[in-house]
Amino acid sequence: MAGNDPRVFFAAERTLLAWIRTALGLVGMGFVVARFGLFLRLVRPEFEHPTHAWSSVVGVALALLGAIAAAVAAWQHRRFCTTLAASEVPPRYRSEPALLLGFGVAVTGVVLAVVIAV
C-alpha cells in the first residue's frame, strides 16, 4: 500500500459513498418508473397498453439492482479496509457508519422492491 498515508482510506470511503449514491439513484428510479406506470393506468384506464404492465417489473428490477450495488459496495469496502495497516487508518476514525449506510441502503432497496411488487 502507500505506507502511512490516510488518503488511501479516505479514497476508499469516497468510492463507497459514490457507489451508495449510484445505488440510491437506481432505487429511486425504480420507484419512479413503477409509480409512473400506476399513474398512467389511473389517469387513462381506457388506454391500457401492454407495456404499462412492464413498468412494475422494470421498477422492481431497478430497485433490486440498486440494492445489490449498495450491498456489494459495502462488502467490498469492508474487505479493503481489512487489508489496510493500522497506520493507514486515521486515529479515532470508524468505518462502521459508512458500512451501516451501505447495508441500510441495500435493505431499503429490497424492501422497496417488495412493496412495488405487491
PDB file of N, CA and C in Angstrom:
ATOM      1  N   MET A   1       0.841  -1.187   0.000  1.00  0.00           N
ATOM      2  CA  MET A   1       0.000   0.000   0.000  1.00  0.00           C
ATOM      3  C   MET A   1       0.879   1.241   0.000  1.00  0.00           C
ATOM      4  N   ALA A   2       0.348   2.318   0.501  1.00  0.00           N
ATOM      5  CA  ALA A   2       1.033   3.604   0.388  1.00  0.00           C
ATOM      6  C   ALA A   2       1.718   4.025   1.686  1.00  0.00           C
ATOM      7  N   GLY A   3       2.106   3.104   2.521  1.00  0.00           N
ATOM      8  CA  GLY A   3       2.789   3.471   3.759  1.00  0.00           C
ATOM      9  C   GLY A   3       1.833   3.980   4.812  1.00  0.00           C
ATOM     10  N   ASN A   4       2.125   5.156   5.364  1.00  0.00           N
ATOM     11  CA  ASN A   4       1.313   5.727   6.440  1.00  0.00           C
ATOM     12  C   ASN A   4       0.352   6.796   5.936  1.00  0.00           C
ATOM     13  N   ASP A   5      -0.096   6.692   4.740  1.00  0.00           N
ATOM     14  CA  ASP A   5      -0.915   7.732   4.129  1.00  0.00           C
ATOM     15  C   ASP A   5      -2.400   7.454   4.359  1.00  0.00           C
ATOM     16  N   PRO A   6      -3.092   8.260   5.171  1.00  0.00           N
ATOM     17  CA  PRO A   6      -4.524   8.034   5.399  1.00  0.00           C
ATOM     18  C   PRO A   6      -5.385   8.386   4.191  1.00  0.00           C
ATOM     19  N   ARG A   7      -4.783   9.017   3.172  1.00  0.00           N
ATOM     20  CA  ARG A   7      -5.562   9.354   1.977  1.00  0.00           C
ATOM     21  C   ARG A   7      -6.069   8.109   1.262  1.00  0.00           C
ATOM     22  N   VAL A   8      -5.362   7.001   1.422  1.00  0.00           N
ATOM     23  CA  VAL A   8      -5.811   5.744   0.819  1.00  0.00           C
ATOM     24  C   VAL A   8      -7.152   5.337   1.423  1.00  0.00           C
ATOM     25  N   PHE A   9      -7.261   5.439   2.725  1.00  0.00           N
ATOM     26  CA  PHE A   9      -8.511   5.095   3.405  1.00  0.00           C
ATOM     27  C   PHE A   9      -9.639   6.028   2.977  1.00  0.00           C
ATOM     28  N   PHE A  10      -9.351   7.321   2.930  1.00  0.00           N
ATOM     29  CA  PHE A  10     -10.387   8.286   2.558  1.00  0.00           C
ATOM     30  C   PHE A  10     -10.803   8.123   1.094  1.00  0.00           C
ATOM     31  N   ALA A  11      -9.874   7.744   0.234  1.00  0.00           N
ATOM     32  CA  ALA A  11     -10.226   7.484  -1.164  1.00  0.00           C
ATOM     33  C   ALA A  11     -11.165   6.284  -1.265  1.00  0.00           C
ATOM     34  N   ALA A  12     -10.901   5.263  -0.464  1.00  0.00           N
ATOM     35  CA  ALA A  12     -11.786   4.097  -0.458  1.00  0.00           C
ATOM     36  C   ALA A  12     -13.171   4.469   0.057  1.00  0.00           C
ATOM     37  N   GLU A  13     -13.222   5.329   1.057  1.00  0.00           N
ATOM     38  CA  GLU A  13     -14.520   5.745   1.588  1.00  0.00           C
ATOM     39  C   GLU A  13     -15.281   6.604   0.582  1.00  0.00           C
ATOM     40  N   ARG A  14     -14.569   7.456  -0.138  1.00  0.00           N
ATOM     41  CA  ARG A  14     -15.229   8.251  -1.186  1.00  0.00           C
ATOM     42  C   ARG A  14     -15.793   7.350  -2.271  1.00  0.00           C
ATOM     43  N   THR A  15     -15.062   6.299  -2.606  1.00  0.00           N
ATOM     44  CA  THR A  15     -15.550   5.351  -3.603  1.00  0.00           C
ATOM     45  C   THR A  15     -16.811   4.659  -3.105  1.00  0.00           C
ATOM     46  N   LEU A  16     -16.818   4.255  -1.850  1.00  0.00           N
ATOM     47  CA  LEU A  16     -18.016   3.641  -1.272  1.00  0.00           C
ATOM     48  C   LEU A  16     -19.198   4.599  -1.343  1.00  0.00           C
ATOM     49  N   LEU A  17     -18.980   5.842  -0.968  1.00  0.00           N
ATOM     50  CA  LEU A  17     -20.073   6.811  -0.982  1.00  0.00           C
ATOM     51  C   LEU A  17     -20.563   7.089  -2.401  1.00  0.00           C
ATOM     52  N   ALA A  18     -19.678   7.045  -3.382  1.00  0.00           N
ATOM     53  CA  ALA A  18     -20.104   7.217  -4.774  1.00  0.00           C
ATOM     54  C   ALA A  18     -20.983   6.050  -5.215  1.00  0.00           C
ATOM     55  N   TRP A  19     -20.622   4.842  -4.809  1.00  0.00           N
ATOM     56  CA  TRP A  19     -21.449   3.685  -5.149  1.00  0.00           C
ATOM     57  C   TRP A  19     -22.796   3.740  -4.431  1.00  0.00           C
ATOM     58  N   ILE A  20     -22.802   4.220  -3.198  1.00  0.00           N
ATOM     59  CA  ILE A  20     -24.068   4.362  -2.472  1.00  0.00           C
ATOM     60  C   ILE A  20     -24.948   5.397  -3.159  1.00  0.00           C
ATOM     61  N   ARG A  21     -24.348   6.480  -3.626  1.00  0.00           N
ATOM     62  CA  ARG A  21     -25.112   7.490  -4.364  1.00  0.00           C
ATOM     63  C   ARG A  21     -25.721   6.885  -5.627  1.00  0.00           C
ATOM     64  N   THR A  22     -24.953   6.073  -6.339  1.00  0.00           N
ATOM     65  CA  THR A  22     -25.462   5.408  -7.534  1.00  0.00           C
ATOM     66  C   THR A  22     -26.590   4.447  -7.178  1.00  0.00           C
ATOM     67  N   ALA A  23     -26.421   3.708  -6.094  1.00  0.00           N
ATOM     68  CA  ALA A  23     -27.453   2.765  -5.662  1.00  0.00           C
ATOM     69  C   ALA A  23     -28.739   3.489  -5.292  1.00  0.00           C
ATOM     70  N   LEU A  24     -28.620   4.612  -4.592  1.00  0.00           N
ATOM     71  CA  LEU A  24     -29.811   5.397  -4.249  1.00  0.00           C
ATOM     72  C   LEU A  24     -30.513   5.901  -5.504  1.00  0.00           C
ATOM     73  N   GLY A  25     -29.744   6.302  -6.492  1.00  0.00           N
ATOM     74  CA  GLY A  25     -30.329   6.737  -7.759  1.00  0.00           C
ATOM     75  C   GLY A  25     -31.080   5.618  -8.451  1.00  0.00           C
ATOM     76  N   LEU A  26     -30.515   4.413  -8.446  1.00  0.00           N
ATOM     77  CA  LEU A  26     -31.186   3.266  -9.063  1.00  0.00           C
ATOM     78  C   LEU A  26     -32.466   2.899  -8.317  1.00  0.00           C
ATOM     79  N   VAL A  27     -32.408   2.881  -6.998  1.00  0.00           N
ATOM     80  CA  VAL A  27     -33.599   2.559  -6.204  1.00  0.00           C
ATOM     81  C   VAL A  27     -34.674   3.615  -6.431  1.00  0.00           C
ATOM     82  N   GLY A  28     -34.288   4.875  -6.412  1.00  0.00           N
ATOM     83  CA  GLY A  28     -35.247   5.953  -6.647  1.00  0.00           C
ATOM     84  C   GLY A  28     -35.844   5.895  -8.037  1.00  0.00           C
ATOM     85  N   MET A  29     -35.024   5.608  -9.036  1.00  0.00           N
ATOM     86  CA  MET A  29     -35.533   5.499 -10.402  1.00  0.00           C
ATOM     87  C   MET A  29     -36.485   4.314 -10.525  1.00  0.00           C
ATOM     88  N   GLY A  30     -36.194   3.232  -9.836  1.00  0.00           N
ATOM     89  CA  GLY A  30     -37.105   2.091  -9.846  1.00  0.00           C
ATOM     90  C   GLY A  30     -38.462   2.455  -9.281  1.00  0.00           C
ATOM     91  N   PHE A  31     -38.461   3.208  -8.194  1.00  0.00           N
ATOM     92  CA  PHE A  31     -39.725   3.649  -7.602  1.00  0.00           C
ATOM     93  C   PHE A  31     -40.484   4.554  -8.565  1.00  0.00           C
ATOM     94  N   VAL A  32     -39.792   5.495  -9.178  1.00  0.00           N
ATOM     95  CA  VAL A  32     -40.444   6.429 -10.105  1.00  0.00           C
ATOM     96  C   VAL A  32     -41.017   5.690 -11.307  1.00  0.00           C
ATOM     97  N   VAL A  33     -40.271   4.766 -11.877  1.00  0.00           N
ATOM     98  CA  VAL A  33     -40.757   4.015 -13.041  1.00  0.00           C
ATOM     99  C   VAL A  33     -41.995   3.211 -12.675  1.00  0.00           C
ATOM    100  N   ALA A  34     -41.966   2.540 -11.538  1.00  0.00           N
ATOM    101  CA  ALA A  34     -43.118   1.728 -11.128  1.00  0.00           C
ATOM    102  C   ALA A  34     -44.337   2.596 -10.860  1.00  0.00           C
ATOM    103  N   ARG A  35     -44.154   3.700 -10.183  1.00  0.00           N
ATOM    104  CA  ARG A  35     -45.294   4.569  -9.860  1.00  0.00           C
ATOM    105  C   ARG A  35     -45.801   5.325 -11.077  1.00  0.00           C
ATOM    106  N   PHE A  36     -44.946   5.602 -12.040  1.00  0.00           N
ATOM    107  CA  PHE A  36     -45.414   6.284 -13.239  1.00  0.00           C
ATOM    108  C   PHE A  36     -46.325   5.371 -14.048  1.00  0.00           C
ATOM    109  N   GLY A  37     -46.017   4.088 -14.100  1.00  0.00           N
ATOM    110  CA  GLY A  37     -46.911   3.143 -14.772  1.00  0.00           C
ATOM    111  C   GLY A  37     -48.257   3.078 -14.083  1.00  0.00           C
ATOM    112  N   LEU A  38     -48.256   3.087 -12.750  1.00  0.00           N
ATOM    113  CA  LEU A  38     -49.511   3.105 -11.996  1.00  0.00           C
ATOM    114  C   LEU A  38     -50.274   4.391 -12.278  1.00  0.00           C
ATOM    115  N   PHE A  39     -49.566   5.506 -12.335  1.00  0.00           N
ATOM    116  CA  PHE A  39     -50.193   6.793 -12.636  1.00  0.00           C
ATOM    117  C   PHE A  39     -50.846   6.762 -14.016  1.00  0.00           C
ATOM    118  N   LEU A  40     -50.169   6.210 -14.998  1.00  0.00           N
ATOM    119  CA  LEU A  40     -50.751   6.136 -16.343  1.00  0.00           C
ATOM    120  C   LEU A  40     -52.007   5.277 -16.359  1.00  0.00           C
ATOM    121  N   ARG A  41     -52.005   4.186 -15.616  1.00  0.00           N
ATOM    122  CA  ARG A  41     -53.195   3.320 -15.570  1.00  0.00           C
ATOM    123  C   ARG A  41     -54.351   4.011 -14.868  1.00  0.00           C
ATOM    124  N   LEU A  42     -54.076   4.834 -13.866  1.00  0.00           N
ATOM    125  CA  LEU A  42     -55.143   5.521 -13.141  1.00  0.00           C
ATOM    126  C   LEU A  42     -55.714   6.691 -13.929  1.00  0.00           C
ATOM    127  N   VAL A  43     -54.872   7.398 -14.646  1.00  0.00           N
ATOM    128  CA  VAL A  43     -55.327   8.573 -15.381  1.00  0.00           C
ATOM    129  C   VAL A  43     -56.145   8.178 -16.599  1.00  0.00           C
ATOM    130  N   ARG A  44     -55.693   7.212 -17.357  1.00  0.00           N
ATOM    131  CA  ARG A  44     -56.371   6.792 -18.581  1.00  0.00           C
ATOM    132  C   ARG A  44     -56.546   5.273 -18.617  1.00  0.00           C
ATOM    133  N   PRO A  45     -57.506   4.744 -17.854  1.00  0.00           N
ATOM    134  CA  PRO A  45     -57.670   3.283 -17.850  1.00  0.00           C
ATOM    135  C   PRO A  45     -58.151   2.731 -19.187  1.00  0.00           C
ATOM    136  N   GLU A  46     -58.802   3.564 -19.989  1.00  0.00           N
ATOM    137  CA  GLU A  46     -59.292   3.075 -21.286  1.00  0.00           C
ATOM    138  C   GLU A  46     -58.157   2.852 -22.282  1.00  0.00           C
ATOM    139  N   PHE A  47     -57.006   3.444 -22.026  1.00  0.00           N
ATOM    140  CA  PHE A  47     -55.863   3.267 -22.913  1.00  0.00           C
ATOM    141  C   PHE A  47     -54.852   2.292 -22.310  1.00  0.00           C
ATOM    142  N   GLU A  48     -55.339   1.241 -21.734  1.00  0.00           N
ATOM    143  CA  GLU A  48     -54.452   0.243 -21.122  1.00  0.00           C
ATOM    144  C   GLU A  48     -53.572  -0.371 -22.208  1.00  0.00           C
ATOM    145  N   HIS A  49     -52.313  -0.134 -22.100  1.00  0.00           N
ATOM    146  CA  HIS A  49     -51.349  -0.614 -23.079  1.00  0.00           C
ATOM    147  C   HIS A  49     -50.555  -1.752 -22.444  1.00  0.00           C
ATOM    148  N   PRO A  50     -50.225  -2.786 -23.211  1.00  0.00           N
ATOM    149  CA  PRO A  50     -49.495  -3.919 -22.615  1.00  0.00           C
ATOM    150  C   PRO A  50     -48.141  -3.537 -22.005  1.00  0.00           C
ATOM    151  N   THR A  51     -47.529  -2.486 -22.508  1.00  0.00           N
ATOM    152  CA  THR A  51     -46.219  -2.111 -21.960  1.00  0.00           C
ATOM    153  C   THR A  51     -46.334  -1.431 -20.604  1.00  0.00           C
ATOM    154  N   HIS A  52     -47.533  -0.967 -20.223  1.00  0.00           N
ATOM    155  CA  HIS A  52     -47.692  -0.344 -18.910  1.00  0.00           C
ATOM    156  C   HIS A  52     -47.474  -1.357 -17.787  1.00  0.00           C
ATOM    157  N   ALA A  53     -47.775  -2.612 -18.048  1.00  0.00           N
ATOM    158  CA  ALA A  53     -47.569  -3.645 -17.030  1.00  0.00           C
ATOM    159  C   ALA A  53     -46.079  -3.868 -16.765  1.00  0.00           C
ATOM    160  N   TRP A  54     -45.259  -3.555 -17.728  1.00  0.00           N
ATOM    161  CA  TRP A  54     -43.825  -3.745 -17.568  1.00  0.00           C
ATOM    162  C   TRP A  54     -43.195  -2.718 -16.641  1.00  0.00           C
ATOM    163  N   SER A  55     -43.901  -1.632 -16.366  1.00  0.00           N
ATOM    164  CA  SER A  55     -43.305  -0.604 -15.513  1.00  0.00           C
ATOM    165  C   SER A  55     -43.026  -1.138 -14.107  1.00  0.00           C
ATOM    166  N   SER A  56     -43.906  -1.970 -13.591  1.00  0.00           N
ATOM    167  CA  SER A  56     -43.658  -2.557 -12.266  1.00  0.00           C
ATOM    168  C   SER A  56     -42.460  -3.500 -12.292  1.00  0.00           C
ATOM    169  N   VAL A  57     -42.367  -4.283 -13.345  1.00  0.00           N
ATOM    170  CA  VAL A  57     -41.249  -5.228 -13.459  1.00  0.00           C
ATOM    171  C   VAL A  57     -39.925  -4.472 -13.564  1.00  0.00           C
ATOM    172  N   VAL A  58     -39.902  -3.447 -14.392  1.00  0.00           N
ATOM    173  CA  VAL A  58     -38.680  -2.655 -14.550  1.00  0.00           C
ATOM    174  C   VAL A  58     -38.361  -1.912 -13.250  1.00  0.00           C
ATOM    175  N   GLY A  59     -39.391  -1.395 -12.579  1.00  0.00           N
ATOM    176  CA  GLY A  59     -39.178  -0.706 -11.308  1.00  0.00           C
ATOM    177  C   GLY A  59     -38.585  -1.617 -10.252  1.00  0.00           C
ATOM    178  N   VAL A  60     -39.112  -2.828 -10.145  1.00  0.00           N
ATOM    179  CA  VAL A  60     -38.575  -3.800  -9.185  1.00  0.00           C
ATOM    180  C   VAL A  60     -37.134  -4.154  -9.549  1.00  0.00           C
ATOM    181  N   ALA A  61     -36.877  -4.348 -10.837  1.00  0.00           N
ATOM    182  CA  ALA A  61     -35.521  -4.699 -11.267  1.00  0.00           C
ATOM    183  C   ALA A  61     -34.527  -3.585 -10.936  1.00  0.00           C
ATOM    184  N   LEU A  62     -34.919  -2.344 -11.167  1.00  0.00           N
ATOM    185  CA  LEU A  62     -34.023  -1.228 -10.849  1.00  0.00           C
ATOM    186  C   LEU A  62     -33.787  -1.108  -9.342  1.00  0.00           C
ATOM    187  N   ALA A  63     -34.835  -1.293  -8.553  1.00  0.00           N
ATOM    188  CA  ALA A  63     -34.680  -1.220  -7.096  1.00  0.00           C
ATOM    189  C   ALA A  63     -33.766  -2.338  -6.590  1.00  0.00           C
ATOM    190  N   LEU A  64     -33.939  -3.533  -7.125  1.00  0.00           N
ATOM    191  CA  LEU A  64     -33.069  -4.642  -6.718  1.00  0.00           C
ATOM    192  C   LEU A  64     -31.632  -4.430  -7.184  1.00  0.00           C
ATOM    193  N   LEU A  65     -31.467  -3.869  -8.372  1.00  0.00           N
ATOM    194  CA  LEU A  65     -30.120  -3.577  -8.861  1.00  0.00           C
ATOM    195  C   LEU A  65     -29.428  -2.559  -7.955  1.00  0.00           C
ATOM    196  N   GLY A  66     -30.172  -1.556  -7.517  1.00  0.00           N
ATOM    197  CA  GLY A  66     -29.611  -0.583  -6.582  1.00  0.00           C
ATOM    198  C   GLY A  66     -29.251  -1.215  -5.251  1.00  0.00           C
ATOM    199  N   ALA A  67     -30.104  -2.119  -4.773  1.00  0.00           N
ATOM    200  CA  ALA A  67     -29.821  -2.806  -3.509  1.00  0.00           C
ATOM    201  C   ALA A  67     -28.568  -3.671  -3.625  1.00  0.00           C
ATOM    202  N   ILE A  68     -28.438  -4.358  -4.734  1.00  0.00           N
ATOM    203  CA  ILE A  68     -27.255  -5.196  -4.952  1.00  0.00           C
ATOM    204  C   ILE A  68     -26.002  -4.333  -5.041  1.00  0.00           C
ATOM    205  N   ALA A  69     -26.101  -3.205  -5.738  1.00  0.00           N
ATOM    206  CA  ALA A  69     -24.943  -2.306  -5.863  1.00  0.00           C
ATOM    207  C   ALA A  69     -24.499  -1.797  -4.495  1.00  0.00           C
ATOM    208  N   ALA A  70     -25.445  -1.421  -3.645  1.00  0.00           N
ATOM    209  CA  ALA A  70     -25.093  -0.920  -2.309  1.00  0.00           C
ATOM    210  C   ALA A  70     -24.469  -2.018  -1.456  1.00  0.00           C
ATOM    211  N   ALA A  71     -25.037  -3.215  -1.508  1.00  0.00           N
ATOM    212  CA  ALA A  71     -24.506  -4.320  -0.701  1.00  0.00           C
ATOM    213  C   ALA A  71     -23.104  -4.716  -1.151  1.00  0.00           C
ATOM    214  N   VAL A  72     -22.899  -4.818  -2.454  1.00  0.00           N
ATOM    215  CA  VAL A  72     -21.580  -5.198  -2.968  1.00  0.00           C
ATOM    216  C   VAL A  72     -20.548  -4.116  -2.652  1.00  0.00           C
ATOM    217  N   ALA A  73     -20.941  -2.855  -2.774  1.00  0.00           N
ATOM    218  CA  ALA A  73     -20.013  -1.761  -2.465  1.00  0.00           C
ATOM    219  C   ALA A  73     -19.617  -1.781  -0.992  1.00  0.00           C
ATOM    220  N   ALA A  74     -20.577  -1.989  -0.108  1.00  0.00           N
ATOM    221  CA  ALA A  74     -20.266  -2.037   1.326  1.00  0.00           C
ATOM    222  C   ALA A  74     -19.379  -3.237   1.648  1.00  0.00           C
ATOM    223  N   TRP A  75     -19.681  -4.369   1.053  1.00  0.00           N
ATOM    224  CA  TRP A  75     -18.886  -5.577   1.288  1.00  0.00           C
ATOM    225  C   TRP A  75     -17.451  -5.385   0.777  1.00  0.00           C
ATOM    226  N   GLN A  76     -17.329  -4.808  -0.417  1.00  0.00           N
ATOM    227  CA  GLN A  76     -16.002  -4.576  -0.991  1.00  0.00           C
ATOM    228  C   GLN A  76     -15.210  -3.575  -0.151  1.00  0.00           C
ATOM    229  N   HIS A  77     -15.874  -2.549   0.349  1.00  0.00           N
ATOM    230  CA  HIS A  77     -15.202  -1.556   1.200  1.00  0.00           C
ATOM    231  C   HIS A  77     -14.715  -2.213   2.497  1.00  0.00           C
ATOM    232  N   ARG A  78     -15.545  -3.060   3.066  1.00  0.00           N
ATOM    233  CA  ARG A  78     -15.152  -3.763   4.290  1.00  0.00           C
ATOM    234  C   ARG A  78     -13.928  -4.641   4.032  1.00  0.00           C
ATOM    235  N   ARG A  79     -13.952  -5.354   2.905  1.00  0.00           N
ATOM    236  CA  ARG A  79     -12.804  -6.203   2.559  1.00  0.00           C
ATOM    237  C   ARG A  79     -11.543  -5.374   2.381  1.00  0.00           C
ATOM    238  N   PHE A  80     -11.667  -4.221   1.726  1.00  0.00           N
ATOM    239  CA  PHE A  80     -10.498  -3.372   1.508  1.00  0.00           C
ATOM    240  C   PHE A  80      -9.960  -2.820   2.823  1.00  0.00           C
ATOM    241  N   CYS A  81     -10.856  -2.408   3.700  1.00  0.00           N
ATOM    242  CA  CYS A  81     -10.417  -1.824   4.977  1.00  0.00           C
ATOM    243  C   CYS A  81      -9.663  -2.830   5.834  1.00  0.00           C
ATOM    244  N   THR A  82      -9.974  -4.106   5.697  1.00  0.00           N
ATOM    245  CA  THR A  82      -9.249  -5.115   6.476  1.00  0.00           C
ATOM    246  C   THR A  82      -7.823  -5.305   5.966  1.00  0.00           C
ATOM    247  N   THR A  83      -7.543  -4.886   4.728  1.00  0.00           N
ATOM    248  CA  THR A  83      -6.184  -5.031   4.197  1.00  0.00           C
ATOM    249  C   THR A  83      -5.281  -3.866   4.578  1.00  0.00           C
ATOM    250  N   LEU A  84      -5.862  -2.794   5.102  1.00  0.00           N
ATOM    251  CA  LEU A  84      -5.068  -1.619   5.460  1.00  0.00           C
ATOM    252  C   LEU A  84      -4.323  -1.849   6.770  1.00  0.00           C
ATOM    253  N   ALA A  85      -3.143  -1.296   6.833  1.00  0.00           N
ATOM    254  CA  ALA A  85      -2.388  -1.324   8.085  1.00  0.00           C
ATOM    255  C   ALA A  85      -3.013  -0.329   9.055  1.00  0.00           C
ATOM    256  N   ALA A  86      -2.775  -0.536  10.329  1.00  0.00           N
ATOM    257  CA  ALA A  86      -3.347   0.363  11.340  1.00  0.00           C
ATOM    258  C   ALA A  86      -2.868   1.795  11.148  1.00  0.00           C
ATOM    259  N   SER A  87      -1.675   1.967  10.621  1.00  0.00           N
ATOM    260  CA  SER A  87      -1.146   3.320  10.413  1.00  0.00           C
ATOM    261  C   SER A  87      -1.829   4.035   9.251  1.00  0.00           C
ATOM    262  N   GLU A  88      -2.498   3.287   8.376  1.00  0.00           N
ATOM    263  CA  GLU A  88      -3.181   3.898   7.231  1.00  0.00           C
ATOM    264  C   GLU A  88      -4.592   4.357   7.559  1.00  0.00           C
ATOM    265  N   VAL A  89      -5.113   3.929   8.693  1.00  0.00           N
ATOM    266  CA  VAL A  89      -6.443   4.356   9.127  1.00  0.00           C
ATOM    267  C   VAL A  89      -6.260   5.522  10.086  1.00  0.00           C
ATOM    268  N   PRO A  90      -6.950   6.633   9.858  1.00  0.00           N
ATOM    269  CA  PRO A  90      -6.793   7.782  10.758  1.00  0.00           C
ATOM    270  C   PRO A  90      -7.169   7.406  12.194  1.00  0.00           C
ATOM    271  N   PRO A  91      -6.479   7.981  13.176  1.00  0.00           N
ATOM    272  CA  PRO A  91      -6.791   7.651  14.571  1.00  0.00           C
ATOM    273  C   PRO A  91      -8.206   8.093  14.943  1.00  0.00           C
ATOM    274  N   ARG A  92      -8.844   7.300  15.790  1.00  0.00           N
ATOM    275  CA  ARG A  92     -10.200   7.564  16.284  1.00  0.00           C
ATOM    276  C   ARG A  92     -11.222   7.717  15.156  1.00  0.00           C
ATOM    277  N   TYR A  93     -10.993   7.038  14.060  1.00  0.00           N
ATOM    278  CA  TYR A  93     -11.918   7.108  12.934  1.00  0.00           C
ATOM    279  C   TYR A  93     -12.513   5.729  12.727  1.00  0.00           C
ATOM    280  N   ARG A  94     -13.821   5.674  12.575  1.00  0.00           N
ATOM    281  CA  ARG A  94     -14.506   4.391  12.439  1.00  0.00           C
ATOM    282  C   ARG A  94     -15.134   4.298  11.058  1.00  0.00           C
ATOM    283  N   SER A  95     -15.046   3.134  10.459  1.00  0.00           N
ATOM    284  CA  SER A  95     -15.655   2.936   9.143  1.00  0.00           C
ATOM    285  C   SER A  95     -17.032   2.286   9.245  1.00  0.00           C
ATOM    286  N   GLU A  96     -17.454   1.916  10.450  1.00  0.00           N
ATOM    287  CA  GLU A  96     -18.739   1.236  10.607  1.00  0.00           C
ATOM    288  C   GLU A  96     -19.937   2.073  10.152  1.00  0.00           C
ATOM    289  N   PRO A  97     -19.982   3.388  10.402  1.00  0.00           N
ATOM    290  CA  PRO A  97     -21.143   4.153   9.917  1.00  0.00           C
ATOM    291  C   PRO A  97     -21.303   4.103   8.397  1.00  0.00           C
ATOM    292  N   ALA A  98     -20.204   4.139   7.670  1.00  0.00           N
ATOM    293  CA  ALA A  98     -20.288   4.059   6.210  1.00  0.00           C
ATOM    294  C   ALA A  98     -20.786   2.683   5.778  1.00  0.00           C
ATOM    295  N   LEU A  99     -20.319   1.644   6.454  1.00  0.00           N
ATOM    296  CA  LEU A  99     -20.796   0.295   6.135  1.00  0.00           C
ATOM    297  C   LEU A  99     -22.268   0.140   6.481  1.00  0.00           C
ATOM    298  N   LEU A 100     -22.666   0.684   7.611  1.00  0.00           N
ATOM    299  CA  LEU A 100     -24.071   0.630   8.007  1.00  0.00           C
ATOM    300  C   LEU A 100     -24.943   1.351   6.983  1.00  0.00           C
ATOM    301  N   LEU A 101     -24.469   2.475   6.489  1.00  0.00           N
ATOM    302  CA  LEU A 101     -25.202   3.204   5.461  1.00  0.00           C
ATOM    303  C   LEU A 101     -25.340   2.365   4.196  1.00  0.00           C
ATOM    304  N   GLY A 102     -24.273   1.726   3.780  1.00  0.00           N
ATOM    305  CA  GLY A 102     -24.323   0.889   2.579  1.00  0.00           C
ATOM    306  C   GLY A 102     -25.291  -0.264   2.714  1.00  0.00           C
ATOM    307  N   PHE A 103     -25.205  -0.990   3.820  1.00  0.00           N
ATOM    308  CA  PHE A 103     -26.117  -2.112   4.009  1.00  0.00           C
ATOM    309  C   PHE A 103     -27.540  -1.635   4.282  1.00  0.00           C
ATOM    310  N   GLY A 104     -27.691  -0.463   4.894  1.00  0.00           N
ATOM    311  CA  GLY A 104     -29.025   0.106   5.101  1.00  0.00           C
ATOM    312  C   GLY A 104     -29.701   0.451   3.786  1.00  0.00           C
ATOM    313  N   VAL A 105     -28.942   1.012   2.855  1.00  0.00           N
ATOM    314  CA  VAL A 105     -29.495   1.306   1.526  1.00  0.00           C
ATOM    315  C   VAL A 105     -29.866   0.009   0.818  1.00  0.00           C
ATOM    316  N   ALA A 106     -29.065  -1.020   0.985  1.00  0.00           N
ATOM    317  CA  ALA A 106     -29.371  -2.307   0.362  1.00  0.00           C
ATOM    318  C   ALA A 106     -30.673  -2.888   0.906  1.00  0.00           C
ATOM    319  N   VAL A 107     -30.840  -2.859   2.212  1.00  0.00           N
ATOM    320  CA  VAL A 107     -32.075  -3.376   2.820  1.00  0.00           C
ATOM    321  C   VAL A 107     -33.275  -2.537   2.392  1.00  0.00           C
ATOM    322  N   THR A 108     -33.101  -1.222   2.359  1.00  0.00           N
ATOM    323  CA  THR A 108     -34.185  -0.343   1.932  1.00  0.00           C
ATOM    324  C   THR A 108     -34.575  -0.621   0.488  1.00  0.00           C
ATOM    325  N   GLY A 109     -33.609  -0.864  -0.367  1.00  0.00           N
ATOM    326  CA  GLY A 109     -33.901  -1.191  -1.761  1.00  0.00           C
ATOM    327  C   GLY A 109     -34.680  -2.481  -1.903  1.00  0.00           C
ATOM    328  N   VAL A 110     -34.322  -3.486  -1.118  1.00  0.00           N
ATOM    329  CA  VAL A 110     -35.053  -4.758  -1.168  1.00  0.00           C
ATOM    330  C   VAL A 110     -36.480  -4.571  -0.660  1.00  0.00           C
ATOM    331  N   VAL A 111     -36.635  -3.840   0.440  1.00  0.00           N
ATOM    332  CA  VAL A 111     -37.980  -3.593   0.979  1.00  0.00           C
ATOM    333  C   VAL A 111     -38.821  -2.831  -0.034  1.00  0.00           C
ATOM    334  N   LEU A 112     -38.242  -1.829  -0.669  1.00  0.00           N
ATOM    335  CA  LEU A 112     -38.979  -1.062  -1.671  1.00  0.00           C
ATOM    336  C   LEU A 112     -39.347  -1.930  -2.869  1.00  0.00           C
ATOM    337  N   ALA A 113     -38.465  -2.812  -3.279  1.00  0.00           N
ATOM    338  CA  ALA A 113     -38.778  -3.720  -4.385  1.00  0.00           C
ATOM    339  C   ALA A 113     -39.945  -4.630  -4.025  1.00  0.00           C
ATOM    340  N   VAL A 114     -39.981  -5.100  -2.787  1.00  0.00           N
ATOM    341  CA  VAL A 114     -41.100  -5.946  -2.345  1.00  0.00           C
ATOM    342  C   VAL A 114     -42.394  -5.144  -2.330  1.00  0.00           C
ATOM    343  N   VAL A 115     -42.336  -3.906  -1.852  1.00  0.00           N
ATOM    344  CA  VAL A 115     -43.533  -3.057  -1.814  1.00  0.00           C
ATOM    345  C   VAL A 115     -44.036  -2.784  -3.227  1.00  0.00           C
ATOM    346  N   ILE A 116     -43.139  -2.519  -4.153  1.00  0.00           N
ATOM    347  CA  ILE A 116     -43.537  -2.270  -5.538  1.00  0.00           C
ATOM    348  C   ILE A 116     -44.159  -3.517  -6.144  1.00  0.00           C
ATOM    349  N   ALA A 117     -43.585  -4.680  -5.846  1.00  0.00           N
ATOM    350  CA  ALA A 117     -44.068  -5.924  -6.446  1.00  0.00           C
ATOM    351  C   ALA A 117     -45.444  -6.319  -5.940  1.00  0.00           C
ATOM    352  N   VAL A 118     -45.793  -5.909  -4.734  1.00  0.00           N
ATOM    353  CA  VAL A 118     -47.087  -6.304  -4.155  1.00  0.00           C
ATOM    354  C   VAL A 118     -48.181  -5.404  -4.573  1.00  0.00           C
TER     355      VAL A 118
END
